[in-house]
């Protein structure tokens, strides 16, 4: 579960390495974000040659969470880390590569470009 002040690893090649969630999108009372939810975040660490700079406010979609979440078929899945992919206003990824696995729930939330770039979808 991702909430305000949660730190996430960035799973793409935009240059950002770590982001801090400052808002979960989807209503003023919304507290937690799960896989496939969009958050507003600020870049905490970034590589010097990257397209994104430290302190920049960005939109991101959560692709992995440590908190196990259940699926309709009865299985549950959890990942080793919390990770997100930076997106633009058109909900397309800002980077050209995605690192690490993504969850199948991204397909249901219409992030098809992220699903196609991910090396593995679990």
N, C-alpha and C. Protein backbone atom coordinates (compact mmCIF):
# COMPACT_ATOMS: atom_id res chain seq x y z
N UNK A 1 0.84 -1.17 0.00
CA UNK A 1 0.00 0.00 0.00
C UNK A 1 0.89 1.23 0.00
N UNK A 2 0.57 2.14 -0.87
CA UNK A 2 1.33 3.37 -1.01
C UNK A 2 0.47 4.51 -0.50
N UNK A 3 1.05 5.38 0.33
CA UNK A 3 0.33 6.53 0.82
C UNK A 3 1.26 7.73 0.82
N UNK A 4 0.80 8.86 1.32
CA UNK A 4 1.65 10.04 1.38
C UNK A 4 2.92 9.73 2.15
N UNK A 5 4.05 10.26 1.66
CA UNK A 5 5.38 10.09 2.25
C UNK A 5 5.99 8.71 1.98
N UNK A 6 5.33 7.85 1.23
CA UNK A 6 5.93 6.57 0.86
C UNK A 6 6.99 6.81 -0.20
N UNK A 7 8.12 6.11 -0.07
CA UNK A 7 9.18 6.21 -1.07
C UNK A 7 9.13 4.99 -1.96
N UNK A 8 9.27 5.22 -3.26
CA UNK A 8 9.20 4.14 -4.24
C UNK A 8 10.42 4.18 -5.13
N UNK A 9 10.83 3.01 -5.57
CA UNK A 9 11.90 2.91 -6.56
C UNK A 9 11.30 3.15 -7.94
N UNK A 10 12.06 3.81 -8.81
CA UNK A 10 11.57 4.08 -10.16
C UNK A 10 12.06 2.97 -11.07
N UNK A 11 11.10 2.34 -11.79
CA UNK A 11 11.40 1.15 -12.58
C UNK A 11 11.48 1.47 -14.07
N UNK A 12 12.05 2.64 -14.41
CA UNK A 12 12.24 2.96 -15.83
C UNK A 12 13.54 3.73 -16.00
N UNK A 13 13.83 4.12 -17.24
CA UNK A 13 15.12 4.76 -17.53
C UNK A 13 15.00 6.27 -17.72
N UNK A 14 14.14 6.93 -16.97
CA UNK A 14 14.00 8.38 -17.08
C UNK A 14 15.13 9.12 -16.38
N UNK A 15 15.87 8.44 -15.52
CA UNK A 15 16.94 9.09 -14.77
C UNK A 15 16.63 9.22 -13.29
N UNK A 16 15.36 9.18 -12.93
CA UNK A 16 14.98 9.21 -11.52
C UNK A 16 15.26 7.84 -10.91
N UNK A 17 15.72 7.84 -9.66
CA UNK A 17 15.98 6.57 -8.98
C UNK A 17 14.98 6.30 -7.86
N UNK A 18 14.58 7.37 -7.17
CA UNK A 18 13.65 7.23 -6.06
C UNK A 18 12.69 8.40 -6.07
N UNK A 19 11.41 8.11 -5.79
CA UNK A 19 10.40 9.17 -5.71
C UNK A 19 9.68 9.07 -4.37
N UNK A 20 9.08 10.19 -3.96
CA UNK A 20 8.31 10.25 -2.72
C UNK A 20 6.88 10.64 -3.08
N UNK A 21 5.94 9.80 -2.68
CA UNK A 21 4.53 10.06 -2.99
C UNK A 21 4.05 11.27 -2.20
N UNK A 22 3.44 12.23 -2.91
CA UNK A 22 2.88 13.39 -2.22
C UNK A 22 1.36 13.41 -2.31
N UNK A 23 0.77 12.62 -3.22
CA UNK A 23 -0.68 12.56 -3.33
C UNK A 23 -1.11 11.31 -4.06
N UNK A 24 -2.16 10.67 -3.59
CA UNK A 24 -2.79 9.56 -4.31
C UNK A 24 -3.95 10.15 -5.09
N UNK A 25 -3.96 9.95 -6.40
CA UNK A 25 -5.01 10.52 -7.25
C UNK A 25 -6.29 9.70 -7.11
N UNK A 26 -7.43 10.37 -7.28
CA UNK A 26 -8.69 9.66 -7.27
C UNK A 26 -9.64 10.09 -6.18
N UNK A 27 -9.57 11.33 -5.75
CA UNK A 27 -10.50 11.80 -4.73
C UNK A 27 -9.78 12.33 -3.51
N UNK A 28 -10.39 13.26 -2.82
CA UNK A 28 -9.73 13.90 -1.69
C UNK A 28 -9.63 12.98 -0.48
N UNK A 29 -10.50 11.99 -0.38
CA UNK A 29 -10.48 11.08 0.78
C UNK A 29 -9.65 9.82 0.51
N UNK A 30 -9.08 9.72 -0.67
CA UNK A 30 -8.32 8.52 -1.05
C UNK A 30 -6.99 8.51 -0.32
N UNK A 31 -6.71 7.44 0.44
CA UNK A 31 -5.50 7.40 1.24
C UNK A 31 -4.43 6.48 0.66
N UNK A 32 -4.83 5.31 0.17
CA UNK A 32 -3.87 4.31 -0.27
C UNK A 32 -3.92 4.11 -1.78
N UNK A 33 -2.76 3.80 -2.35
CA UNK A 33 -2.67 3.44 -3.76
C UNK A 33 -2.20 2.00 -3.85
N UNK A 34 -2.77 1.27 -4.82
CA UNK A 34 -2.38 -0.11 -5.07
C UNK A 34 -1.77 -0.19 -6.46
N UNK A 35 -1.50 -1.40 -6.93
CA UNK A 35 -0.93 -1.58 -8.26
C UNK A 35 -1.91 -1.06 -9.31
N UNK A 36 -1.41 -0.22 -10.22
CA UNK A 36 -2.23 0.34 -11.27
C UNK A 36 -2.79 1.70 -10.95
N UNK A 37 -2.61 2.20 -9.74
CA UNK A 37 -3.12 3.52 -9.36
C UNK A 37 -2.10 4.61 -9.68
N UNK A 38 -2.59 5.79 -9.99
CA UNK A 38 -1.74 6.92 -10.34
C UNK A 38 -1.49 7.76 -9.09
N UNK A 39 -0.25 8.19 -8.91
CA UNK A 39 0.12 9.04 -7.78
C UNK A 39 0.86 10.27 -8.31
N UNK A 40 0.88 11.32 -7.51
CA UNK A 40 1.73 12.47 -7.76
C UNK A 40 2.91 12.34 -6.81
N UNK A 41 4.11 12.53 -7.34
CA UNK A 41 5.31 12.31 -6.54
C UNK A 41 6.36 13.36 -6.86
N UNK A 42 7.34 13.46 -5.98
CA UNK A 42 8.48 14.32 -6.23
C UNK A 42 9.74 13.45 -6.31
N UNK A 43 10.66 13.82 -7.17
CA UNK A 43 11.88 13.05 -7.38
C UNK A 43 12.85 13.35 -6.24
N UNK A 44 13.29 12.32 -5.53
CA UNK A 44 14.20 12.48 -4.41
C UNK A 44 15.65 12.25 -4.81
N UNK A 45 15.91 11.24 -5.63
CA UNK A 45 17.27 11.02 -6.15
C UNK A 45 17.17 10.78 -7.65
N UNK A 46 18.13 11.32 -8.38
CA UNK A 46 18.13 11.19 -9.84
C UNK A 46 19.56 11.13 -10.33
N UNK A 47 19.77 10.46 -11.46
CA UNK A 47 21.10 10.41 -12.05
C UNK A 47 21.36 11.73 -12.79
N UNK A 48 22.61 12.16 -12.86
CA UNK A 48 22.92 13.48 -13.43
C UNK A 48 22.55 13.62 -14.91
N UNK A 49 22.64 12.53 -15.68
CA UNK A 49 22.36 12.62 -17.11
C UNK A 49 20.90 12.35 -17.45
N UNK A 50 20.06 12.16 -16.48
CA UNK A 50 18.68 11.77 -16.73
C UNK A 50 17.81 12.90 -17.25
N UNK A 51 16.64 12.53 -17.76
CA UNK A 51 15.68 13.51 -18.28
C UNK A 51 14.93 14.21 -17.15
N UNK A 52 14.87 13.56 -15.98
CA UNK A 52 14.17 14.15 -14.83
C UNK A 52 15.20 14.60 -13.80
N UNK A 53 14.91 15.70 -13.14
CA UNK A 53 15.84 16.26 -12.16
C UNK A 53 15.28 16.11 -10.75
N UNK A 54 16.18 16.17 -9.77
CA UNK A 54 15.78 16.09 -8.37
C UNK A 54 14.87 17.28 -8.04
N UNK A 55 13.79 17.00 -7.30
CA UNK A 55 12.86 18.04 -6.91
C UNK A 55 11.70 18.24 -7.87
N UNK A 56 11.75 17.60 -9.01
CA UNK A 56 10.68 17.75 -10.00
C UNK A 56 9.42 16.99 -9.54
N UNK A 57 8.26 17.59 -9.76
CA UNK A 57 7.00 16.94 -9.42
C UNK A 57 6.51 16.18 -10.64
N UNK A 58 6.22 14.88 -10.48
CA UNK A 58 5.88 14.01 -11.60
C UNK A 58 4.63 13.19 -11.27
N UNK A 59 4.04 12.63 -12.32
CA UNK A 59 2.96 11.65 -12.17
C UNK A 59 3.58 10.26 -12.36
N UNK A 60 3.11 9.29 -11.61
CA UNK A 60 3.65 7.94 -11.73
C UNK A 60 2.53 6.93 -11.51
N UNK A 61 2.71 5.74 -12.07
CA UNK A 61 1.77 4.64 -11.84
C UNK A 61 2.50 3.56 -11.06
N UNK A 62 1.86 3.04 -10.02
CA UNK A 62 2.46 2.01 -9.17
C UNK A 62 2.46 0.69 -9.94
N UNK A 63 3.63 0.04 -10.05
CA UNK A 63 3.72 -1.23 -10.78
C UNK A 63 4.01 -2.41 -9.86
N UNK A 64 4.59 -2.16 -8.67
CA UNK A 64 4.87 -3.24 -7.72
C UNK A 64 4.65 -2.72 -6.30
N UNK A 65 4.08 -3.58 -5.45
CA UNK A 65 3.94 -3.24 -4.02
C UNK A 65 4.37 -4.42 -3.18
N UNK A 66 4.90 -4.12 -2.00
CA UNK A 66 5.28 -5.17 -1.06
C UNK A 66 4.05 -5.79 -0.39
N UNK A 67 3.01 -5.00 -0.26
CA UNK A 67 1.78 -5.49 0.38
C UNK A 67 1.11 -6.51 -0.53
N UNK A 68 0.84 -7.71 -0.04
CA UNK A 68 0.15 -8.70 -0.88
C UNK A 68 -1.26 -8.23 -1.23
N UNK A 69 -1.66 -8.47 -2.47
CA UNK A 69 -3.02 -8.15 -2.86
C UNK A 69 -3.63 -9.37 -3.52
N UNK A 70 -4.93 -9.56 -3.25
CA UNK A 70 -5.63 -10.74 -3.73
C UNK A 70 -6.18 -10.53 -5.12
N UNK A 71 -6.33 -11.64 -5.82
CA UNK A 71 -6.92 -11.60 -7.15
C UNK A 71 -8.23 -12.37 -7.13
N UNK A 72 -9.02 -12.19 -8.19
CA UNK A 72 -10.34 -12.82 -8.25
C UNK A 72 -10.27 -14.34 -8.26
N UNK A 73 -9.16 -14.90 -8.74
CA UNK A 73 -9.05 -16.36 -8.78
C UNK A 73 -8.61 -16.96 -7.44
N UNK A 74 -8.44 -16.12 -6.42
CA UNK A 74 -8.10 -16.61 -5.09
C UNK A 74 -6.64 -16.54 -4.75
N UNK A 75 -5.78 -16.27 -5.71
CA UNK A 75 -4.35 -16.17 -5.44
C UNK A 75 -4.02 -14.78 -4.93
N UNK A 76 -2.89 -14.68 -4.24
CA UNK A 76 -2.40 -13.36 -3.83
C UNK A 76 -0.96 -13.23 -4.30
N UNK A 77 -0.54 -12.00 -4.55
CA UNK A 77 0.79 -11.75 -5.07
C UNK A 77 1.38 -10.55 -4.37
N UNK A 78 2.68 -10.62 -4.07
CA UNK A 78 3.42 -9.52 -3.47
C UNK A 78 4.80 -9.47 -4.12
N UNK A 79 5.41 -8.30 -4.09
CA UNK A 79 6.72 -8.13 -4.70
C UNK A 79 7.74 -7.78 -3.62
N UNK A 80 9.02 -7.73 -3.99
CA UNK A 80 10.09 -7.44 -3.03
C UNK A 80 10.18 -5.97 -2.67
N UNK A 81 9.62 -5.10 -3.51
CA UNK A 81 9.80 -3.67 -3.30
C UNK A 81 8.58 -2.92 -3.82
N UNK A 82 8.49 -1.66 -3.43
CA UNK A 82 7.50 -0.76 -4.00
C UNK A 82 8.16 -0.04 -5.17
N UNK A 83 7.52 -0.07 -6.33
CA UNK A 83 8.11 0.56 -7.51
C UNK A 83 7.04 1.23 -8.34
N UNK A 84 7.45 2.24 -9.10
CA UNK A 84 6.54 2.99 -9.95
C UNK A 84 7.22 3.33 -11.26
N UNK A 85 6.41 3.67 -12.27
CA UNK A 85 6.89 4.10 -13.58
C UNK A 85 6.35 5.51 -13.81
N UNK A 86 7.22 6.42 -14.23
CA UNK A 86 6.80 7.80 -14.48
C UNK A 86 5.99 7.86 -15.77
N UNK A 87 4.89 8.63 -15.73
CA UNK A 87 4.02 8.75 -16.90
C UNK A 87 3.83 10.23 -17.23
N UNK A 88 3.39 10.50 -18.47
CA UNK A 88 3.10 11.87 -18.89
C UNK A 88 1.60 12.13 -18.78
N UNK A 89 1.16 13.26 -19.29
CA UNK A 89 -0.25 13.64 -19.17
C UNK A 89 -1.16 12.71 -19.94
N UNK A 90 -0.65 12.06 -20.99
CA UNK A 90 -1.44 11.14 -21.79
C UNK A 90 -1.37 9.70 -21.25
N UNK A 91 -0.85 9.54 -20.04
CA UNK A 91 -0.73 8.24 -19.37
C UNK A 91 0.19 7.27 -20.10
N UNK A 92 1.15 7.79 -20.88
CA UNK A 92 2.17 6.98 -21.52
C UNK A 92 3.45 7.07 -20.71
N UNK A 93 4.26 6.01 -20.68
CA UNK A 93 5.51 6.08 -19.90
C UNK A 93 6.47 7.11 -20.46
N UNK A 94 7.16 7.82 -19.57
CA UNK A 94 8.14 8.83 -20.00
C UNK A 94 9.44 8.18 -20.44
N UNK A 95 9.76 7.03 -19.90
CA UNK A 95 10.98 6.33 -20.28
C UNK A 95 10.73 5.39 -21.45
N UNK A 96 11.83 4.85 -21.99
CA UNK A 96 11.73 3.93 -23.12
C UNK A 96 11.93 2.49 -22.71
N UNK A 97 12.36 2.25 -21.47
CA UNK A 97 12.54 0.89 -20.97
C UNK A 97 11.91 0.78 -19.60
N UNK A 98 11.41 -0.42 -19.28
CA UNK A 98 10.85 -0.72 -17.96
C UNK A 98 11.70 -1.83 -17.36
N UNK A 99 12.08 -1.69 -16.09
CA UNK A 99 12.90 -2.69 -15.42
C UNK A 99 12.06 -3.47 -14.43
N UNK A 100 12.27 -4.78 -14.38
CA UNK A 100 11.60 -5.62 -13.42
C UNK A 100 10.19 -6.00 -13.84
N UNK A 101 9.59 -6.92 -13.11
CA UNK A 101 8.25 -7.39 -13.48
C UNK A 101 7.17 -6.37 -13.16
N UNK A 102 6.04 -6.53 -13.83
CA UNK A 102 4.86 -5.73 -13.56
C UNK A 102 3.70 -6.66 -13.25
N UNK A 103 2.64 -6.12 -12.69
CA UNK A 103 1.48 -6.93 -12.34
C UNK A 103 0.46 -6.92 -13.48
N UNK A 104 -0.34 -7.98 -13.56
CA UNK A 104 -1.36 -8.11 -14.59
C UNK A 104 -2.44 -7.03 -14.46
N UNK A 105 -2.59 -6.47 -13.27
CA UNK A 105 -3.60 -5.44 -13.04
C UNK A 105 -3.35 -4.19 -13.89
N UNK A 106 -2.13 -3.97 -14.34
CA UNK A 106 -1.84 -2.82 -15.22
C UNK A 106 -2.58 -2.94 -16.54
N UNK A 107 -2.77 -4.16 -17.01
CA UNK A 107 -3.50 -4.38 -18.26
C UNK A 107 -4.97 -3.99 -18.08
N UNK A 108 -5.55 -4.30 -16.92
CA UNK A 108 -6.95 -3.97 -16.66
C UNK A 108 -7.15 -2.46 -16.50
N UNK A 109 -6.09 -1.74 -16.07
CA UNK A 109 -6.18 -0.29 -15.90
C UNK A 109 -5.76 0.46 -17.17
N UNK A 110 -5.59 -0.25 -18.27
CA UNK A 110 -5.28 0.32 -19.59
C UNK A 110 -3.92 0.99 -19.68
N UNK A 111 -2.92 0.44 -18.99
CA UNK A 111 -1.54 0.88 -19.16
C UNK A 111 -0.84 -0.12 -20.08
N UNK A 112 -1.36 -0.24 -21.30
CA UNK A 112 -0.89 -1.27 -22.23
C UNK A 112 0.55 -1.04 -22.67
N UNK A 113 0.96 0.20 -22.80
CA UNK A 113 2.33 0.50 -23.22
C UNK A 113 3.33 0.02 -22.17
N UNK A 114 3.00 0.20 -20.90
CA UNK A 114 3.88 -0.26 -19.81
C UNK A 114 3.93 -1.78 -19.81
N UNK A 115 2.78 -2.42 -20.02
CA UNK A 115 2.73 -3.89 -20.05
C UNK A 115 3.59 -4.43 -21.19
N UNK A 116 3.54 -3.77 -22.34
CA UNK A 116 4.31 -4.26 -23.49
C UNK A 116 5.81 -4.03 -23.31
N UNK A 117 6.20 -2.98 -22.58
CA UNK A 117 7.62 -2.72 -22.37
C UNK A 117 8.22 -3.54 -21.23
N UNK A 118 7.39 -4.02 -20.31
CA UNK A 118 7.89 -4.76 -19.15
C UNK A 118 8.45 -6.11 -19.61
N UNK A 119 9.58 -6.52 -19.02
CA UNK A 119 10.16 -7.81 -19.41
C UNK A 119 9.33 -9.01 -18.96
N UNK A 120 8.50 -8.81 -17.92
CA UNK A 120 7.72 -9.92 -17.38
C UNK A 120 6.46 -9.36 -16.74
N UNK A 121 5.34 -10.03 -16.98
CA UNK A 121 4.08 -9.63 -16.35
C UNK A 121 3.58 -10.80 -15.52
N UNK A 122 3.43 -10.57 -14.22
CA UNK A 122 3.01 -11.65 -13.30
C UNK A 122 1.57 -11.50 -12.92
